[in-house]
Protein backbone atom coordinates (compact mmCIF):
# COMPACT_ATOMS: atom_id res chain seq x y z
CA MET A 1 210.68 32.83 34.95
CA MET A 2 206.89 33.12 35.14
CA ASN A 3 205.34 35.89 32.99
CA ILE A 4 202.33 37.85 34.23
CA VAL A 5 200.89 40.46 31.86
CA VAL A 6 198.38 43.12 32.90
CA VAL A 7 196.67 44.90 30.00
CA GLY A 8 195.29 48.30 30.96
CA GLY A 9 196.76 50.86 33.35
CA GLY A 10 193.58 52.32 34.79
CA ALA A 11 192.75 52.43 38.49
CA GLY A 12 192.48 48.65 38.89
CA GLY A 13 195.18 47.59 36.43
CA LEU A 14 197.87 49.91 37.76
CA GLU A 15 197.13 49.04 41.38
CA LEU A 16 197.31 45.33 40.53
CA ALA A 17 200.57 45.67 38.57
CA THR A 18 202.04 47.64 41.47
CA GLY A 19 200.99 44.96 43.96
CA LEU A 20 202.35 42.14 41.79
CA GLY A 21 205.58 44.04 41.34
CA ARG A 22 206.01 44.40 45.08
CA LYS A 23 205.10 40.78 45.88
CA LEU A 24 206.75 38.98 42.95
CA GLY A 25 208.66 41.29 40.62
CA LYS A 26 211.05 42.77 43.15
CA LYS A 27 211.76 39.29 44.53
CA ASN A 28 212.49 37.90 41.04
CA LYS A 29 209.70 35.35 41.41
CA ALA A 30 207.96 36.50 38.22
CA LYS A 31 208.28 39.02 35.41
CA ILE A 32 205.38 41.50 35.63
CA THR A 33 204.51 43.54 32.54
CA LEU A 34 201.94 46.32 32.31
CA VAL A 35 200.63 47.24 28.85
CA ASP A 36 198.81 50.48 28.09
CA ARG A 37 198.24 52.62 25.00
CA ASN A 38 199.11 55.80 26.93
CA ARG A 39 202.38 56.81 28.52
CA THR A 40 200.79 58.27 31.64
CA HIS A 41 198.02 57.45 34.12
CA LEU A 42 195.21 59.69 35.31
CA TRP A 43 192.42 58.62 37.65
CA LYS A 44 189.42 58.43 35.31
CA PRO A 45 186.85 59.95 37.71
CA LEU A 46 188.85 63.21 37.50
CA LEU A 47 188.79 63.55 33.70
CA HIS A 48 186.00 66.13 33.92
CA GLU A 49 188.43 68.35 35.86
CA VAL A 50 191.05 67.93 33.13
CA ALA A 51 188.39 68.85 30.56
CA THR A 52 187.57 72.16 32.27
CA GLY A 53 191.15 72.94 33.30
CA SER A 54 190.63 72.53 37.06
CA MET A 55 193.30 69.83 36.94
CA ASP A 56 196.51 70.08 34.90
CA ALA A 57 197.28 66.62 33.53
CA GLY A 58 200.86 67.69 32.86
CA ILE A 59 201.39 67.99 36.61
CA ASP A 60 199.08 65.34 38.04
CA ALA A 61 199.60 62.52 35.52
CA LEU A 62 201.72 59.55 36.61
CA SER A 63 204.41 58.18 34.27
CA TYR A 64 203.98 54.43 33.78
CA GLN A 65 207.66 54.01 32.90
CA SER A 66 208.87 55.74 36.04
CA HIS A 67 206.35 54.00 38.30
CA ALA A 68 207.27 50.60 36.84
CA LYS A 69 210.96 51.19 37.56
CA ASN A 70 210.22 51.99 41.20
CA HIS A 71 207.82 49.09 41.83
CA GLY A 72 209.32 46.00 40.26
CA PHE A 73 207.49 45.66 36.95
CA ASP A 74 208.04 46.48 33.28
CA PHE A 75 205.94 48.79 31.12
CA GLN A 76 205.17 48.27 27.44
CA LEU A 77 203.53 51.02 25.39
CA GLY A 78 201.05 49.40 23.03
CA THR A 79 197.49 48.48 22.10
CA LEU A 80 196.18 44.91 22.40
CA THR A 81 194.70 43.50 19.19
CA ASP A 82 194.53 39.75 19.86
CA ILE A 83 195.12 36.97 22.37
CA LYS A 84 196.64 33.69 21.16
CA ARG A 85 195.37 31.48 23.95
CA ASP A 86 196.88 28.26 22.58
CA GLU A 87 200.34 29.83 22.52
CA LYS A 88 199.75 31.99 25.60
CA ARG A 89 200.78 35.17 23.81
CA ILE A 90 199.18 38.55 23.29
CA VAL A 91 199.55 40.65 20.14
CA LEU A 92 200.22 44.40 20.26
CA SER A 93 199.59 46.59 17.23
CA PRO A 94 202.40 48.64 15.66
CA ILE A 95 203.16 52.03 17.20
CA VAL A 96 203.02 54.84 14.64
CA ASP A 97 203.91 58.54 14.88
CA GLU A 98 201.77 61.52 13.93
CA HIS A 99 202.72 61.05 10.26
CA GLY A 100 201.68 57.39 10.21
CA ASP A 101 205.26 56.11 10.09
CA VAL A 102 205.91 52.90 12.05
CA VAL A 103 208.00 53.52 15.17
CA VAL A 104 207.69 50.02 16.65
CA LYS A 105 206.56 46.98 14.67
CA GLU A 106 203.84 44.57 15.80
CA ARG A 107 204.93 42.65 18.90
CA GLU A 108 203.92 39.54 20.80
CA LEU A 109 204.33 39.11 24.54
CA PRO A 110 204.27 35.71 26.27
CA TYR A 111 202.24 35.14 29.42
CA ASP A 112 201.55 32.44 31.97
CA TYR A 113 198.79 34.53 33.53
CA LEU A 114 197.00 37.38 31.81
CA VAL A 115 194.88 40.11 33.41
CA MET A 116 192.49 42.18 31.30
CA ALA A 117 191.86 45.60 32.85
CA ILE A 118 191.19 47.83 29.85
CA GLY A 119 188.20 49.63 31.33
CA SER A 120 185.25 50.96 29.37
CA VAL A 121 184.33 53.52 26.71
CA SER A 122 181.21 55.59 26.13
CA ASN A 123 178.28 53.81 24.52
CA ASP A 124 176.56 55.97 21.90
CA PHE A 125 173.96 53.23 21.22
CA ASN A 126 174.56 53.83 17.48
CA THR A 127 172.76 57.17 17.69
CA PRO A 128 173.27 59.02 14.37
CA GLY A 129 175.80 61.86 14.42
CA ILE A 130 177.13 61.29 17.92
CA LYS A 131 180.63 60.16 16.88
CA ASP A 132 180.95 63.06 14.44
CA HIS A 133 179.67 65.91 16.60
CA CYS A 134 180.05 64.93 20.27
CA ILE A 135 183.13 64.62 22.45
CA PHE A 136 183.50 61.61 24.75
CA LEU A 137 185.42 61.79 28.03
CA ASP A 138 187.00 58.33 28.04
CA SER A 139 190.68 59.37 28.01
CA PRO A 140 192.98 62.30 28.79
CA SER A 141 193.37 63.03 25.06
CA GLN A 142 189.60 63.45 24.73
CA ALA A 143 189.52 65.64 27.85
CA HIS A 144 192.28 67.80 26.33
CA ARG A 145 190.29 68.05 23.09
CA PHE A 146 187.29 69.35 25.01
CA HIS A 147 189.47 71.79 26.96
CA ASN A 148 190.98 73.24 23.78
CA ARG A 149 187.60 73.68 22.13
CA MET A 150 186.12 75.16 25.31
CA MET A 151 188.94 77.69 25.66
CA ASN A 152 188.67 78.68 21.98
CA ARG A 153 184.91 79.23 22.29
CA PHE A 154 185.31 81.24 25.51
CA LEU A 155 188.04 83.37 23.88
CA GLN A 156 185.84 83.96 20.85
CA PHE A 157 182.93 84.97 23.09
CA ALA A 158 185.06 87.33 25.20
CA THR A 159 186.58 89.14 22.20
CA GLU A 160 183.54 89.22 19.90
CA PHE A 161 180.88 89.81 22.51
CA LYS A 162 177.39 90.67 21.34
CA PRO A 163 174.56 91.51 23.78
CA GLY A 164 172.32 88.50 24.29
CA ASP A 165 174.92 86.02 23.05
CA THR A 166 175.69 82.93 25.15
CA VAL A 167 178.07 79.98 25.14
CA LYS A 168 175.92 76.88 24.72
CA ILE A 169 177.22 73.52 25.98
CA ALA A 170 175.05 70.40 25.92
CA ILE A 171 175.88 67.27 27.92
CA VAL A 172 174.06 63.98 27.35
CA GLY A 173 174.00 61.66 30.35
CA GLY A 174 172.91 62.49 33.88
CA GLY A 175 175.36 60.17 35.60
CA ALA A 176 178.32 61.29 37.68
CA THR A 177 180.40 62.48 34.70
CA GLY A 178 177.64 64.64 33.24
CA VAL A 179 176.64 66.14 36.58
CA GLU A 180 180.20 66.89 37.70
CA LEU A 181 181.18 68.38 34.32
CA SER A 182 178.12 70.66 34.39
CA ALA A 183 179.14 72.13 37.74
CA GLU A 184 182.83 72.42 36.82
CA LEU A 185 181.95 74.50 33.76
CA TYR A 186 180.43 77.22 35.95
CA ASN A 187 183.51 77.19 38.15
CA ALA A 188 185.69 77.53 35.02
CA VAL A 189 183.72 80.53 33.78
CA GLU A 190 184.07 82.36 37.10
CA GLN A 191 187.80 81.67 37.21
CA LEU A 192 188.37 82.75 33.59
CA TYR A 193 186.60 86.04 34.24
CA THR A 194 189.16 86.88 36.92
CA TYR A 195 191.95 86.12 34.42
CA GLY A 196 190.72 88.71 31.92
CA PHE A 197 188.04 86.96 29.87
CA LYS A 198 185.78 90.02 29.81
CA ASN A 199 182.03 89.62 29.42
CA LEU A 200 182.30 85.93 30.36
CA THR A 201 180.06 85.37 33.37
CA SER A 202 177.80 82.63 34.69
CA ALA A 203 174.90 84.36 33.00
CA SER A 204 176.62 84.05 29.63
CA LEU A 205 177.01 80.28 29.97
CA LYS A 206 174.10 78.02 29.07
CA VAL A 207 174.66 74.39 30.04
CA THR A 208 171.99 71.85 29.18
CA LEU A 209 172.17 68.45 30.89
CA VAL A 210 170.09 65.80 29.15
CA GLU A 211 169.03 62.53 30.80
CA ALA A 212 166.82 59.90 29.18
CA GLY A 213 165.65 58.52 32.53
CA PRO A 214 163.22 60.11 35.00
CA ARG A 215 166.00 61.61 37.16
CA ILE A 216 169.72 62.36 37.14
CA LEU A 217 172.16 60.14 39.07
CA PRO A 218 169.90 57.08 38.79
CA ALA A 219 172.44 54.88 40.62
CA LEU A 220 172.13 56.99 43.78
CA PRO A 221 169.22 57.26 46.25
CA GLU A 222 166.45 59.58 45.10
CA ARG A 223 167.00 62.15 47.87
CA ILE A 224 170.64 62.57 46.80
CA SER A 225 169.66 62.81 43.15
CA GLY A 226 167.13 65.48 44.10
CA ALA A 227 169.70 67.47 46.08
CA ALA A 228 172.14 67.42 43.15
CA HIS A 229 169.36 68.45 40.77
CA GLN A 230 168.53 71.47 42.92
CA GLU A 231 172.19 72.52 43.16
CA LEU A 232 172.62 72.35 39.38
CA VAL A 233 169.49 74.40 38.75
CA LYS A 234 170.75 76.95 41.28
CA LEU A 235 173.98 77.26 39.28
CA GLY A 236 172.04 77.83 36.07
CA VAL A 237 172.07 74.37 34.47
CA ASP A 238 169.02 73.49 32.37
CA VAL A 239 168.36 69.92 33.52
CA ARG A 240 166.22 67.92 31.08
CA THR A 241 165.06 64.53 32.35
CA ALA A 242 162.98 61.99 30.42
CA THR A 243 164.51 63.40 27.22
CA MET A 244 165.69 61.01 24.50
CA ILE A 245 168.31 62.14 21.98
CA THR A 246 167.78 60.72 18.50
CA GLN A 247 170.46 62.56 16.50
CA ALA A 248 173.35 65.01 16.75
CA THR A 249 174.14 67.55 14.03
CA ALA A 250 176.42 70.56 13.72
CA GLU A 251 173.60 72.73 15.10
CA GLY A 252 173.01 70.66 18.24
CA LEU A 253 171.05 67.73 19.66
CA HIS A 254 167.71 66.55 18.29
CA THR A 255 165.23 65.03 20.75
CA LYS A 256 162.60 62.37 20.23
CA ASP A 257 159.94 65.09 20.56
CA GLY A 258 161.41 66.98 17.60
CA GLU A 259 163.11 69.73 19.62
CA LEU A 260 166.56 71.06 18.72
CA ILE A 261 168.87 71.78 21.67
CA GLU A 262 171.35 74.23 20.17
CA ALA A 263 174.96 73.80 21.28
CA ASP A 264 178.44 75.08 20.47
CA LEU A 265 179.96 72.09 22.25
CA MET A 266 178.41 68.68 22.86
CA VAL A 267 179.55 65.95 25.24
CA TRP A 268 178.23 62.38 25.26
CA ALA A 269 178.41 60.72 28.69
CA ALA A 270 175.41 58.39 28.51
CA GLY A 271 176.19 54.75 29.18
CA ILE A 272 179.34 52.66 28.86
CA LYS A 273 180.52 49.48 27.22
CA ALA A 274 183.77 47.57 26.88
CA PRO A 275 185.70 48.38 23.67
CA ASP A 276 184.19 46.81 20.54
CA PHE A 277 187.26 44.71 19.71
CA MET A 278 186.59 42.63 22.83
CA LYS A 279 183.45 41.11 21.35
CA ASP A 280 184.31 37.42 20.88
CA LEU A 281 187.98 38.17 21.61
CA ALA A 282 189.97 34.92 21.43
CA GLY A 283 186.78 32.90 21.85
CA LEU A 284 186.19 34.23 25.38
CA GLU A 285 182.61 34.67 26.58
CA THR A 286 181.27 38.24 26.40
CA ASN A 287 177.93 39.92 27.11
CA ARG A 288 175.93 42.44 25.04
CA VAL A 289 178.16 45.37 26.08
CA ASN A 290 181.36 43.44 25.24
CA GLN A 291 182.37 42.75 28.85
CA LEU A 292 184.26 39.51 29.48
CA VAL A 293 182.15 37.16 31.60
CA VAL A 294 184.02 35.88 34.66
CA HIS A 295 183.48 33.54 37.60
CA ASP A 296 183.41 35.09 41.07
CA THR A 297 187.14 34.30 41.32
CA LEU A 298 187.59 36.87 38.50
CA GLN A 299 188.78 34.17 36.06
CA THR A 300 187.17 34.07 32.62
CA THR A 301 184.60 31.33 32.09
CA ARG A 302 186.64 29.74 29.27
CA ASP A 303 190.24 30.18 30.42
CA GLU A 304 191.35 29.89 34.05
CA ASN A 305 194.67 31.59 33.27
CA ILE A 306 192.99 34.84 32.20
CA PHE A 307 191.65 37.18 34.89
CA VAL A 308 189.49 40.26 34.33
CA ILE A 309 188.97 43.28 36.61
CA GLY A 310 187.29 46.66 36.41
CA ASP A 311 184.69 47.97 33.99
CA CYS A 312 185.45 45.33 31.33
CA ALA A 313 184.46 42.48 33.69
CA ALA A 314 180.95 41.02 33.91
CA CYS A 315 181.20 39.59 37.41
CA PRO A 316 178.07 37.97 38.94
CA GLN A 317 177.13 38.35 42.58
CA PRO A 318 175.07 35.98 44.77
CA ASP A 319 171.94 38.13 44.36
CA GLY A 320 172.07 37.64 40.58
CA LYS A 321 173.20 41.19 39.87
CA PHE A 322 176.54 42.13 38.34
CA VAL A 323 179.26 44.28 39.87
CA PRO A 324 178.64 47.91 38.82
CA PRO A 325 181.29 49.78 36.80
CA ARG A 326 182.66 52.00 39.55
CA ALA A 327 186.12 53.08 40.65
CA GLN A 328 185.61 51.48 44.09
CA ALA A 329 184.79 48.16 42.38
CA ALA A 330 188.00 48.33 40.32
CA HIS A 331 189.98 49.01 43.51
CA GLN A 332 188.37 46.06 45.31
CA MET A 333 188.81 43.76 42.30
CA ALA A 334 192.51 44.63 42.09
CA ASP A 335 192.98 43.60 45.72
CA GLN A 336 191.00 40.37 45.28
CA CYS A 337 192.72 39.50 42.00
CA LEU A 338 196.13 39.96 43.62
CA TYR A 339 195.12 37.61 46.44
CA ASN A 340 193.70 34.99 44.06
CA MET A 341 196.65 35.06 41.68
CA LEU A 342 199.11 34.60 44.54
CA ALA A 343 196.94 31.78 45.90
CA LYS A 344 196.81 30.05 42.50
CA ILE A 345 200.56 30.38 41.99
CA ASN A 346 201.31 29.02 45.47
CA GLY A 347 198.74 26.24 45.33
CA GLY A 348 196.37 27.89 47.79
CA GLU A 349 192.61 28.38 47.67
CA MET A 350 191.15 31.32 45.78
CA LYS A 351 188.29 33.31 47.29
CA PRO A 352 185.18 34.64 45.57
CA TYR A 353 184.98 38.39 45.02
CA ARG A 354 182.10 40.10 46.79
CA TYR A 355 181.42 43.73 45.93
CA GLN A 356 181.21 46.01 48.96
CA ASP A 357 179.25 49.19 48.26
CA HIS A 358 180.71 51.96 50.41
CA GLY A 359 178.42 54.58 48.90
CA SER A 360 178.83 57.13 46.14
CA LEU A 361 179.78 60.78 46.08
CA VAL A 362 179.33 63.43 43.40
CA SER A 363 181.36 66.64 43.39
CA LEU A 364 179.66 69.81 42.17
CA SER A 365 183.02 71.56 41.87
CA ARG A 366 183.67 74.04 44.72
CA PHE A 367 179.95 74.73 45.05
CA SER A 368 178.91 71.53 46.84
CA THR A 369 179.40 67.78 47.19
CA VAL A 370 176.59 65.29 47.78
CA GLY A 371 176.45 61.55 48.21
CA SER A 372 175.75 58.57 50.40
CA LEU A 373 177.98 56.54 52.69
CA MET A 374 177.45 52.89 53.52
CA GLY A 375 179.26 50.72 56.01
CA ASN A 376 179.18 48.64 59.17
CA LEU A 377 178.36 51.59 61.43
CA MET A 378 175.03 52.34 59.79
CA ARG A 379 172.08 50.46 58.39
CA GLY A 380 171.36 51.27 54.78
CA SER A 381 172.87 54.51 53.54
CA MET A 382 173.52 57.89 55.11
CA MET A 383 173.27 61.07 53.05
CA VAL A 384 176.19 63.48 53.35
CA GLU A 385 176.80 66.85 51.75
CA GLY A 386 178.92 69.96 52.07
CA ALA A 387 182.37 69.99 53.66
CA ILE A 388 182.17 66.46 55.08
CA ALA A 389 181.15 65.01 51.72
CA ARG A 390 183.93 66.95 49.99
CA LEU A 391 186.49 65.58 52.44
CA VAL A 392 185.33 61.99 51.81
CA TYR A 393 185.29 62.60 48.04
CA ILE A 394 188.91 63.77 48.07
CA SER A 395 189.89 60.83 50.31
CA LEU A 396 188.79 58.39 47.58
CA TYR A 397 191.50 59.74 45.30
CA ARG A 398 193.99 59.72 48.16
CA MET A 399 193.24 56.03 48.75
CA HIS A 400 194.11 55.34 45.12
CA GLN A 401 197.36 57.28 45.49
CA ILE A 402 198.23 55.40 48.70
CA ALA A 403 197.69 52.08 46.91
CA LEU A 404 200.20 53.21 44.29
CA HIS A 405 202.77 55.18 46.29
CA GLY A 406 202.34 54.38 49.97
CA TYR A 407 201.61 56.87 52.76
CA ILE A 408 204.86 58.87 52.78
CA LYS A 409 205.02 59.67 49.07
CA THR A 410 201.27 60.42 48.97
CA GLY A 411 201.79 62.87 51.83
CA LEU A 412 204.55 64.59 49.85
CA ILE A 413 202.30 64.73 46.77
CA MET A 414 199.61 66.41 48.88
CA LEU A 415 202.15 68.94 50.15
CA VAL A 416 203.31 69.77 46.63
CA GLY A 417 199.68 70.14 45.62
CA ARG A 418 199.12 72.72 48.36
CA ILE A 419 202.22 74.65 47.24
CA ASN A 420 201.07 74.60 43.61
CA ARG A 421 197.75 76.13 44.65
CA VAL A 422 199.72 79.20 45.70
CA LEU A 423 202.23 79.25 42.84
CA ARG A 424 200.10 78.24 39.85
CA PRO A 425 196.87 79.57 38.31
CA THR A 426 193.66 78.06 39.71
CA LEU A 427 192.74 77.01 36.16
CA LYS A 428 194.80 75.68 33.28
CA LEU A 429 194.92 78.54 30.79
CA HIS A 430 196.98 76.99 27.98
């Protein structure tokens, strides 16, 4: 039987594995295997909500093992270390427990077709001290780490309050993650106050958002960036644009101008790259940020049996630009890759992938939502904000859930979510 292996269970990888399972796995036309280093899936654009406690990963996370059983594919827990292209096998590193003892030895999985969908990680640009003192938000485990440290600092502040004292949190990177996390922190503080964290108010929180460029949200139109900037300032965020960070220490962030931005907690959300191990992986072509270079059919330039989707793909477009690392691109790539793989297997013609920009939205927690919509009904982009923008923002996540579960189960998930809003705390407190 034909073996198709998908490495990476992010938005694109999981949607693709689900589609392949439905089309081929359930019909016994191929064995589909999904590989991921985690046991559960969370939509990456929502990690900032996990970090602040607005979302409980224990409730909202999706089990790969369970989902695989219901959708015609297998799941293997593991981390890719190498691809043996001549033998058409991938190598997974040993699985060890918290004590370093080997639970599962190194394994090799055969493939006829391989899909790389391992996403991206934060790029610290080799800035001194960043890895030691800053938290990245690349995975649920890192989001949980931030949440634990945030709760400990808030508890310390509430119990050992001194007049004039503040909780200082610095975030580097004025993209969507940095902007959304900044707003969510003020929502968290207001919620925690109602749960008994005395003395903890918006005035006692000092969030500094640092962006090296001339404005935050550089990927969005300037008017939307400006609207988001104003909303953040209104909340109390100290937005620093055109500010370069040269070093991080235990005291805080050091700027190129010699200023120290003091911080109890520091988050690095400035720039992304594919994981370092992908550089020159199996002789495949990569770019300067370790992405695998692909043709517009999403096949790698040096191996037609290896496809790449999502943030780890360097996919050229007719205008010479490359597909941006966005969740909507991963969703579109998953659909196109499924079509092209089925076409290749059945002897049909593959089609080139063309990125369709439907706009971008940024959630400022419950305070506001801003963004732009693009489509066939309008020329250029249309700015949206408020309730309409919030509705569209939520619908993006619902589209991902529909791709995984279908309409009926997604509807039931939404119903359970509404019930939990009544039964459970509005913020994760443990």
